[in-house]
C-alpha atoms as a PDB file:
ATOM      1  CA  UNK A   1      23.024 -13.208   5.570  1.00  0.00           C
ATOM      2  CA  UNK A   2      20.785 -10.134   5.820  1.00  0.00           C
ATOM      3  CA  UNK A   3      17.613 -12.247   5.580  1.00  0.00           C
ATOM      4  CA  UNK A   4      18.899 -14.593   8.290  1.00  0.00           C
ATOM      5  CA  UNK A   5      19.520 -11.695  10.671  1.00  0.00           C
ATOM      6  CA  UNK A   6      16.068 -10.239   9.984  1.00  0.00           C
ATOM      7  CA  UNK A   7      14.427 -13.621  10.601  1.00  0.00           C
ATOM      8  CA  UNK A   8      16.259 -13.984  13.945  1.00  0.00           C
ATOM      9  CA  UNK A   9      15.042 -10.525  15.001  1.00  0.00           C
ATOM     10  CA  UNK A  10      11.524 -11.372  13.850  1.00  0.00           C
ATOM     11  CA  UNK A  11      11.449 -14.546  15.932  1.00  0.00           C
ATOM     12  CA  UNK A  12      12.791 -12.699  18.971  1.00  0.00           C
ATOM     13  CA  UNK A  13       9.968 -10.148  18.597  1.00  0.00           C
ATOM     14  CA  UNK A  14       7.415 -12.949  18.476  1.00  0.00           C
ATOM     15  CA  UNK A  15       8.786 -14.534  21.643  1.00  0.00           C
ATOM     16  CA  UNK A  16       9.288 -11.412  23.735  1.00  0.00           C
ATOM     17  CA  UNK A  17       7.237  -8.555  22.303  1.00  0.00           C
ATOM     18  CA  UNK A  18       4.296  -9.863  20.283  1.00  0.00           C
ATOM     19  CA  UNK A  19       0.782  -8.810  21.217  1.00  0.00           C
ATOM     20  CA  UNK A  20      -2.742  -9.553  20.040  1.00  0.00           C
ATOM     21  CA  UNK A  21      -4.002  -8.179  16.742  1.00  0.00           C
ATOM     22  CA  UNK A  22      -4.930  -4.498  17.095  1.00  0.00           C
ATOM     23  CA  UNK A  23      -8.321  -3.054  16.226  1.00  0.00           C
ATOM     24  CA  UNK A  24      -6.738  -1.327  13.238  1.00  0.00           C
ATOM     25  CA  UNK A  25      -4.899  -3.426  10.661  1.00  0.00           C
ATOM     26  CA  UNK A  26      -3.401  -2.050   7.443  1.00  0.00           C
ATOM     27  CA  UNK A  27      -2.440  -4.571   4.764  1.00  0.00           C
ATOM     28  CA  UNK A  28      -0.255  -3.930   1.737  1.00  0.00           C
ATOM     29  CA  UNK A  29      -0.628  -6.010  -1.427  1.00  0.00           C
ATOM     30  CA  UNK A  30       0.795  -5.622  -4.914  1.00  0.00           C
ATOM     31  CA  UNK A  31      -0.058  -7.921  -7.794  1.00  0.00           C
ATOM     32  CA  UNK A  32      -2.783 -10.563  -7.401  1.00  0.00           C
ATOM     33  CA  UNK A  33      -1.899 -12.708 -10.396  1.00  0.00           C
ATOM     34  CA  UNK A  34      -2.180 -16.355  -9.360  1.00  0.00           C
ATOM     35  CA  UNK A  35      -2.816 -15.388  -5.740  1.00  0.00           C
ATOM     36  CA  UNK A  36      -6.534 -14.675  -5.652  1.00  0.00           C
ATOM     37  CA  UNK A  37      -7.406 -17.696  -3.502  1.00  0.00           C
ATOM     38  CA  UNK A  38      -4.786 -16.664  -0.913  1.00  0.00           C
ATOM     39  CA  UNK A  39      -6.051 -13.074  -1.003  1.00  0.00           C
ATOM     40  CA  UNK A  40      -9.625 -14.289  -0.558  1.00  0.00           C
ATOM     41  CA  UNK A  41      -8.691 -16.462   2.452  1.00  0.00           C
ATOM     42  CA  UNK A  42      -6.752 -13.637   4.105  1.00  0.00           C
ATOM     43  CA  UNK A  43      -9.561 -11.107   3.791  1.00  0.00           C
ATOM     44  CA  UNK A  44     -12.211 -13.595   4.867  1.00  0.00           C
ATOM     45  CA  UNK A  45     -10.209 -14.302   8.016  1.00  0.00           C
ATOM     46  CA  UNK A  46     -10.360 -10.652   9.058  1.00  0.00           C
ATOM     47  CA  UNK A  47     -14.016 -10.313   8.127  1.00  0.00           C
ATOM     48  CA  UNK A  48     -14.804 -13.316  10.339  1.00  0.00           C
ATOM     49  CA  UNK A  49     -13.022 -11.548  13.207  1.00  0.00           C
ATOM     50  CA  UNK A  50     -15.343  -8.557  12.833  1.00  0.00           C
ATOM     51  CA  UNK A  51     -13.145  -6.165  10.860  1.00  0.00           C
ATOM     52  CA  UNK A  52     -14.690  -3.905   8.229  1.00  0.00           C
ATOM     53  CA  UNK A  53     -12.763  -2.416   5.336  1.00  0.00           C
ATOM     54  CA  UNK A  54     -12.243   1.344   5.285  1.00  0.00           C
ATOM     55  CA  UNK A  55     -10.243   3.902   3.329  1.00  0.00           C
ATOM     56  CA  UNK A  56      -7.096   5.589   4.648  1.00  0.00           C
ATOM     57  CA  UNK A  57      -8.849   8.630   6.061  1.00  0.00           C
ATOM     58  CA  UNK A  58     -11.349   6.648   8.107  1.00  0.00           C
ATOM     59  CA  UNK A  59      -8.608   4.229   9.082  1.00  0.00           C
ATOM     60  CA  UNK A  60      -6.537   7.050  10.603  1.00  0.00           C
ATOM     61  CA  UNK A  61      -9.528   8.832  12.155  1.00  0.00           C
ATOM     62  CA  UNK A  62      -9.361   9.283  15.913  1.00  0.00           C
ATOM     63  CA  UNK A  63     -13.147   9.344  16.202  1.00  0.00           C
ATOM     64  CA  UNK A  64     -14.139   6.251  14.192  1.00  0.00           C
ATOM     65  CA  UNK A  65     -14.784   3.108  16.219  1.00  0.00           C
ATOM     66  CA  UNK A  66     -14.715  -0.635  15.727  1.00  0.00           C
ATOM     67  CA  UNK A  67     -12.282  -2.961  14.015  1.00  0.00           C
ATOM     68  CA  UNK A  68     -10.949  -1.339  10.857  1.00  0.00           C
ATOM     69  CA  UNK A  69      -9.099  -3.031   8.000  1.00  0.00           C
ATOM     70  CA  UNK A  70      -7.247  -1.044   5.342  1.00  0.00           C
ATOM     71  CA  UNK A  71      -6.792  -3.206   2.239  1.00  0.00           C
ATOM     72  CA  UNK A  72      -4.316  -1.378   0.018  1.00  0.00           C
ATOM     73  CA  UNK A  73      -2.592  -2.295  -3.235  1.00  0.00           C
ATOM     74  CA  UNK A  74       0.412  -0.464  -4.709  1.00  0.00           C
ATOM     75  CA  UNK A  75       1.789   0.040  -8.246  1.00  0.00           C
ATOM     76  CA  UNK A  76      -0.285  -0.693 -11.378  1.00  0.00           C
ATOM     77  CA  UNK A  77      -1.542  -4.142 -12.383  1.00  0.00           C
ATOM     78  CA  UNK A  78      -4.330  -5.281 -14.680  1.00  0.00           C
ATOM     79  CA  UNK A  79      -5.027  -8.141 -12.241  1.00  0.00           C
ATOM     80  CA  UNK A  80      -6.773  -5.618  -9.978  1.00  0.00           C
ATOM     81  CA  UNK A  81      -9.381  -4.913 -12.632  1.00  0.00           C
ATOM     82  CA  UNK A  82      -9.781  -8.612 -13.392  1.00  0.00           C
ATOM     83  CA  UNK A  83     -10.680  -9.263  -9.741  1.00  0.00           C
ATOM     84  CA  UNK A  84     -13.405  -6.645  -9.340  1.00  0.00           C
ATOM     85  CA  UNK A  85     -15.951  -9.449  -8.936  1.00  0.00           C
ATOM     86  CA  UNK A  86     -13.794 -10.975  -6.179  1.00  0.00           C
ATOM     87  CA  UNK A  87     -13.745  -7.691  -4.265  1.00  0.00           C
ATOM     88  CA  UNK A  88     -17.516  -7.369  -4.711  1.00  0.00           C
ATOM     89  CA  UNK A  89     -18.145 -10.929  -3.520  1.00  0.00           C
ATOM     90  CA  UNK A  90     -16.076 -10.248  -0.398  1.00  0.00           C
ATOM     91  CA  UNK A  91     -17.962  -7.000   0.171  1.00  0.00           C
ATOM     92  CA  UNK A  92     -14.772  -4.977   0.618  1.00  0.00           C
ATOM     93  CA  UNK A  93     -13.497  -1.530  -0.264  1.00  0.00           C
ATOM     94  CA  UNK A  94      -9.877  -1.436  -1.438  1.00  0.00           C
ATOM     95  CA  UNK A  95      -7.461   1.457  -1.791  1.00  0.00           C
ATOM     96  CA  UNK A  96      -5.390   1.409  -4.989  1.00  0.00           C
ATOM     97  CA  UNK A  97      -2.236   3.532  -4.982  1.00  0.00           C
ATOM     98  CA  UNK A  98      -1.418   4.072  -8.660  1.00  0.00           C
ATOM     99  CA  UNK A  99       1.657   4.814 -10.716  1.00  0.00           C
ATOM    100  CA  UNK A 100       0.484   6.700 -13.795  1.00  0.00           C
ATOM    101  CA  UNK A 101       3.491   6.294 -16.123  1.00  0.00           C
ATOM    102  CA  UNK A 102       2.499   2.783 -17.323  1.00  0.00           C
ATOM    103  CA  UNK A 103      -1.200   3.411 -18.011  1.00  0.00           C
ATOM    104  CA  UNK A 104      -1.754   1.017 -20.893  1.00  0.00           C
ATOM    105  CA  UNK A 105      -3.655   3.292 -23.267  1.00  0.00           C
ATOM    106  CA  UNK A 106      -1.212   6.176 -22.776  1.00  0.00           C
ATOM    107  CA  UNK A 107       2.270   4.685 -22.375  1.00  0.00           C
ATOM    108  CA  UNK A 108       4.490   3.205 -25.041  1.00  0.00           C
ATOM    109  CA  UNK A 109       4.940  -0.554 -24.748  1.00  0.00           C
ATOM    110  CA  UNK A 110       8.653  -0.006 -24.142  1.00  0.00           C
ATOM    111  CA  UNK A 111       7.847   2.277 -21.195  1.00  0.00           C
ATOM    112  CA  UNK A 112       5.542  -0.358 -19.712  1.00  0.00           C
ATOM    113  CA  UNK A 113       8.354  -2.887 -19.983  1.00  0.00           C
ATOM    114  CA  UNK A 114      10.745  -0.461 -18.273  1.00  0.00           C
ATOM    115  CA  UNK A 115       8.200   0.130 -15.525  1.00  0.00           C
ATOM    116  CA  UNK A 116       7.864  -3.549 -14.669  1.00  0.00           C
ATOM    117  CA  UNK A 117      11.654  -3.852 -14.742  1.00  0.00           C
ATOM    118  CA  UNK A 118      11.846  -0.950 -12.294  1.00  0.00           C
ATOM    119  CA  UNK A 119       9.533  -2.633  -9.794  1.00  0.00           C
ATOM    120  CA  UNK A 120      11.179  -6.019 -10.460  1.00  0.00           C
ATOM    121  CA  UNK A 121       7.943  -7.718 -11.440  1.00  0.00           C
ATOM    122  CA  UNK A 122       8.301 -10.941 -13.420  1.00  0.00           C
ATOM    123  CA  UNK A 123       4.666 -11.864 -13.996  1.00  0.00           C
ATOM    124  CA  UNK A 124       2.074 -10.815 -16.564  1.00  0.00           C
ATOM    125  CA  UNK A 125       3.326  -7.388 -17.656  1.00  0.00           C
ATOM    126  CA  UNK A 126      -0.055  -5.786 -18.279  1.00  0.00           C
ATOM    127  CA  UNK A 127      -0.998  -2.491 -16.661  1.00  0.00           C
ATOM    128  CA  UNK A 128      -4.343  -0.756 -16.267  1.00  0.00           C
ATOM    129  CA  UNK A 129      -5.917   1.521 -18.835  1.00  0.00           C
ATOM    130  CA  UNK A 130      -7.652   4.755 -17.915  1.00  0.00           C
ATOM    131  CA  UNK A 131     -11.115   3.299 -18.525  1.00  0.00           C
ATOM    132  CA  UNK A 132     -10.345   0.263 -16.328  1.00  0.00           C
ATOM    133  CA  UNK A 133      -9.118   2.522 -13.551  1.00  0.00           C
ATOM    134  CA  UNK A 134     -12.301   4.544 -13.861  1.00  0.00           C
ATOM    135  CA  UNK A 135     -14.356   1.345 -13.498  1.00  0.00           C
ATOM    136  CA  UNK A 136     -12.396   0.414 -10.367  1.00  0.00           C
ATOM    137  CA  UNK A 137     -13.224   3.812  -8.877  1.00  0.00           C
ATOM    138  CA  UNK A 138     -16.859   3.635  -9.983  1.00  0.00           C
ATOM    139  CA  UNK A 139     -17.155   0.260  -8.239  1.00  0.00           C
ATOM    140  CA  UNK A 140     -16.636   2.096  -4.938  1.00  0.00           C
ATOM    141  CA  UNK A 141     -12.910   1.691  -4.426  1.00  0.00           C
ATOM    142  CA  UNK A 142     -10.473   4.452  -3.475  1.00  0.00           C
ATOM    143  CA  UNK A 143      -7.802   5.683  -5.854  1.00  0.00           C
ATOM    144  CA  UNK A 144      -4.598   7.110  -4.407  1.00  0.00           C
ATOM    145  CA  UNK A 145      -1.335   8.466  -5.781  1.00  0.00           C
ATOM    146  CA  UNK A 146       1.886   6.397  -5.805  1.00  0.00           C
ATOM    147  CA  UNK A 147       3.969   8.836  -7.936  1.00  0.00           C
ATOM    148  CA  UNK A 148       4.190   8.904 -11.690  1.00  0.00           C
ATOM    149  CA  UNK A 149       7.070   6.505 -12.314  1.00  0.00           C
ATOM    150  CA  UNK A 150       7.903   4.772  -8.991  1.00  0.00           C
ATOM    151  CA  UNK A 151      11.151   6.625  -8.393  1.00  0.00           C
ATOM    152  CA  UNK A 152      12.783   6.770  -4.950  1.00  0.00           C
ATOM    153  CA  UNK A 153      11.596  10.227  -3.936  1.00  0.00           C
ATOM    154  CA  UNK A 154      14.306  10.814  -1.340  1.00  0.00           C
ATOM    155  CA  UNK A 155      16.933  10.577  -4.100  1.00  0.00           C
ATOM    156  CA  UNK A 156      15.311  13.193  -6.307  1.00  0.00           C
ATOM    157  CA  UNK A 157      16.007  16.948  -6.164  1.00  0.00           C
ATOM    158  CA  UNK A 158      12.980  19.078  -5.159  1.00  0.00           C
ATOM    159  CA  UNK A 159      12.546  20.325  -8.714  1.00  0.00           C
ATOM    160  CA  UNK A 160      11.604  16.770  -9.722  1.00  0.00           C
ATOM    161  CA  UNK A 161       8.898  16.384  -7.091  1.00  0.00           C
ATOM    162  CA  UNK A 162       6.146  18.069  -9.164  1.00  0.00           C
ATOM    163  CA  UNK A 163       6.773  15.629 -12.028  1.00  0.00           C
ATOM    164  CA  UNK A 164       6.376  12.623  -9.761  1.00  0.00           C
ATOM    165  CA  UNK A 165       3.709  13.826  -7.327  1.00  0.00           C
ATOM    166  CA  UNK A 166       1.711  16.736  -8.776  1.00  0.00           C
ATOM    167  CA  UNK A 167       1.461  15.263 -12.264  1.00  0.00           C
ATOM    168  CA  UNK A 168       0.350  11.861 -10.947  1.00  0.00           C
ATOM    169  CA  UNK A 169      -2.282  13.482  -8.737  1.00  0.00           C
ATOM    170  CA  UNK A 170      -3.630  15.685 -11.534  1.00  0.00           C
ATOM    171  CA  UNK A 171      -3.782  12.831 -14.026  1.00  0.00           C
ATOM    172  CA  UNK A 172      -5.626  10.547 -11.613  1.00  0.00           C
ATOM    173  CA  UNK A 173      -8.098  13.311 -10.746  1.00  0.00           C
ATOM    174  CA  UNK A 174      -8.772  13.874 -14.430  1.00  0.00           C
ATOM    175  CA  UNK A 175      -9.462  10.152 -14.908  1.00  0.00           C
ATOM    176  CA  UNK A 176     -11.780   9.566 -11.941  1.00  0.00           C
ATOM    177  CA  UNK A 177     -13.340  13.032 -11.841  1.00  0.00           C
ATOM    178  CA  UNK A 178     -12.714  13.835  -8.201  1.00  0.00           C
ATOM    179  CA  UNK A 179      -9.986  14.812  -5.745  1.00  0.00           C
ATOM    180  CA  UNK A 180      -7.233  12.326  -5.001  1.00  0.00           C
ATOM    181  CA  UNK A 181      -6.290  12.904  -1.356  1.00  0.00           C
ATOM    182  CA  UNK A 182      -4.353   9.757  -0.407  1.00  0.00           C
ATOM    183  CA  UNK A 183      -0.692   9.067  -1.146  1.00  0.00           C
ATOM    184  CA  UNK A 184       1.789   6.242  -0.655  1.00  0.00           C
ATOM    185  CA  UNK A 185       5.436   6.624  -1.511  1.00  0.00           C
ATOM    186  CA  UNK A 186       7.403   3.979  -3.459  1.00  0.00           C
ATOM    187  CA  UNK A 187       9.404   1.362  -1.561  1.00  0.00           C
ATOM    188  CA  UNK A 188       7.858   2.544   1.675  1.00  0.00           C
ATOM    189  CA  UNK A 189      10.713   2.671   4.185  1.00  0.00           C
ATOM    190  CA  UNK A 190      11.730   5.827   6.048  1.00  0.00           C
ATOM    191  CA  UNK A 191      14.932   6.176   4.011  1.00  0.00           C
ATOM    192  CA  UNK A 192      12.772   6.510   0.882  1.00  0.00           C
ATOM    193  CA  UNK A 193      10.970   9.632   2.126  1.00  0.00           C
ATOM    194  CA  UNK A 194      11.735  12.772   4.153  1.00  0.00           C
ATOM    195  CA  UNK A 195      10.100  15.441   6.277  1.00  0.00           C
ATOM    196  CA  UNK A 196      10.361  18.056   3.484  1.00  0.00           C
ATOM    197  CA  UNK A 197       8.591  15.605   1.169  1.00  0.00           C
ATOM    198  CA  UNK A 198       5.921  15.049   3.802  1.00  0.00           C
ATOM    199  CA  UNK A 199       5.327  18.791   4.064  1.00  0.00           C
ATOM    200  CA  UNK A 200       5.260  19.060   0.262  1.00  0.00           C
ATOM    201  CA  UNK A 201       2.546  16.396   0.031  1.00  0.00           C
ATOM    202  CA  UNK A 202       0.481  18.040   2.754  1.00  0.00           C
ATOM    203  CA  UNK A 203       0.745  21.370   0.956  1.00  0.00           C
ATOM    204  CA  UNK A 204      -0.536  19.677  -2.210  1.00  0.00           C
ATOM    205  CA  UNK A 205      -3.732  18.666  -0.432  1.00  0.00           C
ATOM    206  CA  UNK A 206      -3.060  15.061   0.522  1.00  0.00           C
ATOM    207  CA  UNK A 207      -4.878  14.054   3.693  1.00  0.00           C
ATOM    208  CA  UNK A 208      -3.039  10.772   4.272  1.00  0.00           C
ATOM    209  CA  UNK A 209       0.386   9.314   3.499  1.00  0.00           C
ATOM    210  CA  UNK A 210       0.969   5.561   3.713  1.00  0.00           C
ATOM    211  CA  UNK A 211       4.302   3.832   4.317  1.00  0.00           C
ATOM    212  CA  UNK A 212       5.440   0.260   3.818  1.00  0.00           C
ATOM    213  CA  UNK A 213       6.702  -0.052   7.384  1.00  0.00           C
ATOM    214  CA  UNK A 214       5.374  -3.296   8.791  1.00  0.00           C
ATOM    215  CA  UNK A 215       4.287  -4.534  12.168  1.00  0.00           C
ATOM    216  CA  UNK A 216       1.756  -3.987  14.884  1.00  0.00           C
ATOM    217  CA  UNK A 217       0.280  -0.506  15.004  1.00  0.00           C
ATOM    218  CA  UNK A 218      -0.595   1.739  17.891  1.00  0.00           C
ATOM    219  CA  UNK A 219      -4.248   0.983  18.605  1.00  0.00           C
ATOM    220  CA  UNK A 220      -5.039   4.400  20.076  1.00  0.00           C
ATOM    221  CA  UNK A 221      -3.565   6.856  17.600  1.00  0.00           C
ATOM    222  CA  UNK A 222      -2.489   6.645  13.976  1.00  0.00           C
ATOM    223  CA  UNK A 223      -0.636   9.506  12.297  1.00  0.00           C
ATOM    224  CA  UNK A 224      -2.562  10.071   9.030  1.00  0.00           C
ATOM    225  CA  UNK A 225       0.698  11.230   7.412  1.00  0.00           C
ATOM    226  CA  UNK A 226       2.614   8.104   8.420  1.00  0.00           C
ATOM    227  CA  UNK A 227       0.227   5.159   8.128  1.00  0.00           C
ATOM    228  CA  UNK A 228       2.126   1.915   8.661  1.00  0.00           C
ATOM    229  CA  UNK A 229       1.132  -1.009   6.462  1.00  0.00           C
ATOM    230  CA  UNK A 230       2.244  -4.622   6.656  1.00  0.00           C
ATOM    231  CA  UNK A 231       3.015  -6.363   3.371  1.00  0.00           C
ATOM    232  CA  UNK A 232       1.081  -9.616   3.057  1.00  0.00           C
ATOM    233  CA  UNK A 233       3.441 -12.388   1.937  1.00  0.00           C
ATOM    234  CA  UNK A 234       1.620 -14.910  -0.241  1.00  0.00           C
ATOM    235  CA  UNK A 235       4.531 -17.333   0.071  1.00  0.00           C
ATOM    236  CA  UNK A 236       3.988 -17.459   3.844  1.00  0.00           C
ATOM    237  CA  UNK A 237       1.149 -19.208   5.633  1.00  0.00           C
ATOM    238  CA  UNK A 238      -1.828 -17.368   7.108  1.00  0.00           C
ATOM    239  CA  UNK A 239      -0.502 -17.849  10.691  1.00  0.00           C
ATOM    240  CA  UNK A 240       2.907 -16.477   9.674  1.00  0.00           C
ATOM    241  CA  UNK A 241       1.340 -13.390   8.141  1.00  0.00           C
ATOM    242  CA  UNK A 242      -0.788 -12.858  11.237  1.00  0.00           C
ATOM    243  CA  UNK A 243       2.366 -13.103  13.353  1.00  0.00           C
ATOM    244  CA  UNK A 244       3.872 -10.295  11.295  1.00  0.00           C
ATOM    245  CA  UNK A 245       0.942  -8.077  12.282  1.00  0.00           C
ATOM    246  CA  UNK A 246       1.594  -8.755  15.971  1.00  0.00           C
ATOM    247  CA  UNK A 247       5.196  -7.497  15.864  1.00  0.00           C
ATOM    248  CA  UNK A 248       5.950  -3.913  16.826  1.00  0.00           C
ATOM    249  CA  UNK A 249       8.614  -3.276  14.203  1.00  0.00           C
ATOM    250  CA  UNK A 250       8.756   0.518  14.334  1.00  0.00           C
ATOM    251  CA  UNK A 251      11.991   0.723  16.359  1.00  0.00           C
ATOM    252  CA  UNK A 252      13.827  -1.587  13.958  1.00  0.00           C
ATOM    253  CA  UNK A 253      12.579   0.402  10.976  1.00  0.00           C
ATOM    254  CA  UNK A 254      13.694   3.652  12.623  1.00  0.00           C
ATOM    255  CA  UNK A 255      17.185   2.329  13.338  1.00  0.00           C
ATOM    256  CA  UNK A 256      17.897   0.419  10.145  1.00  0.00           C
ATOM    257  CA  UNK A 257      15.352   1.684   7.609  1.00  0.00           C
ATOM    258  CA  UNK A 258      14.193  -1.842   6.811  1.00  0.00           C
ATOM    259  CA  UNK A 259      11.255  -4.077   7.616  1.00  0.00           C
ATOM    260  CA  UNK A 260      11.724  -6.735  10.299  1.00  0.00           C
ATOM    261  CA  UNK A 261       9.032  -8.916   8.731  1.00  0.00           C
ATOM    262  CA  UNK A 262      10.836  -9.117   5.392  1.00  0.00           C
END
């Protein structure tokens, strides 16, 4: 029932409120297992339209010009490392928002299993190791923080925030050898975060915060501490995914705390 209502609202947006693709597009991916061809086709489409891939800070910059594409991936999957050659062949820079709890050479196998259960992933349950993450960074990609264990931050008491945020940030910085200044919070809707959490992250030195709120973005100004990203649905066609980027879904997300594009 809920999906049917969302699809009706989505179609109404496309009929009455859809616009052309903006000059700034932020895409959200997760695992790439079995989906590399679809990923390749999606990115190539934007490159052919004149977009260039950038990191979150340049994406949100008010002074940068031209068509900007933020290619971001959340959680922790070995498939990212396996596709380094694909990213290189496409000539793109990706932003990887990492959970640190399941790092393969640190975590117990039982913890890795629990992690993939937590994010409801049913594919190849292999996470990254520290050395593989370091290679991803050394290949020119951006590493960001996605909390330690993928908890819903808005449900945690403030005394738990350092465990999820500070520890993840420090561990990632130790692995890659430089500051980690970009953050995305798990699950991505407004109900999963809060203004006190936003202030906490800013005080910890983060320069950007990414959401999972989908839809067309304001082409003139992007709040670096509330970057909207649209989840790319591999089960949908390329035209359907492009339609999702043309919908201004912010009002729906504000009212109901959910994504109108599913």
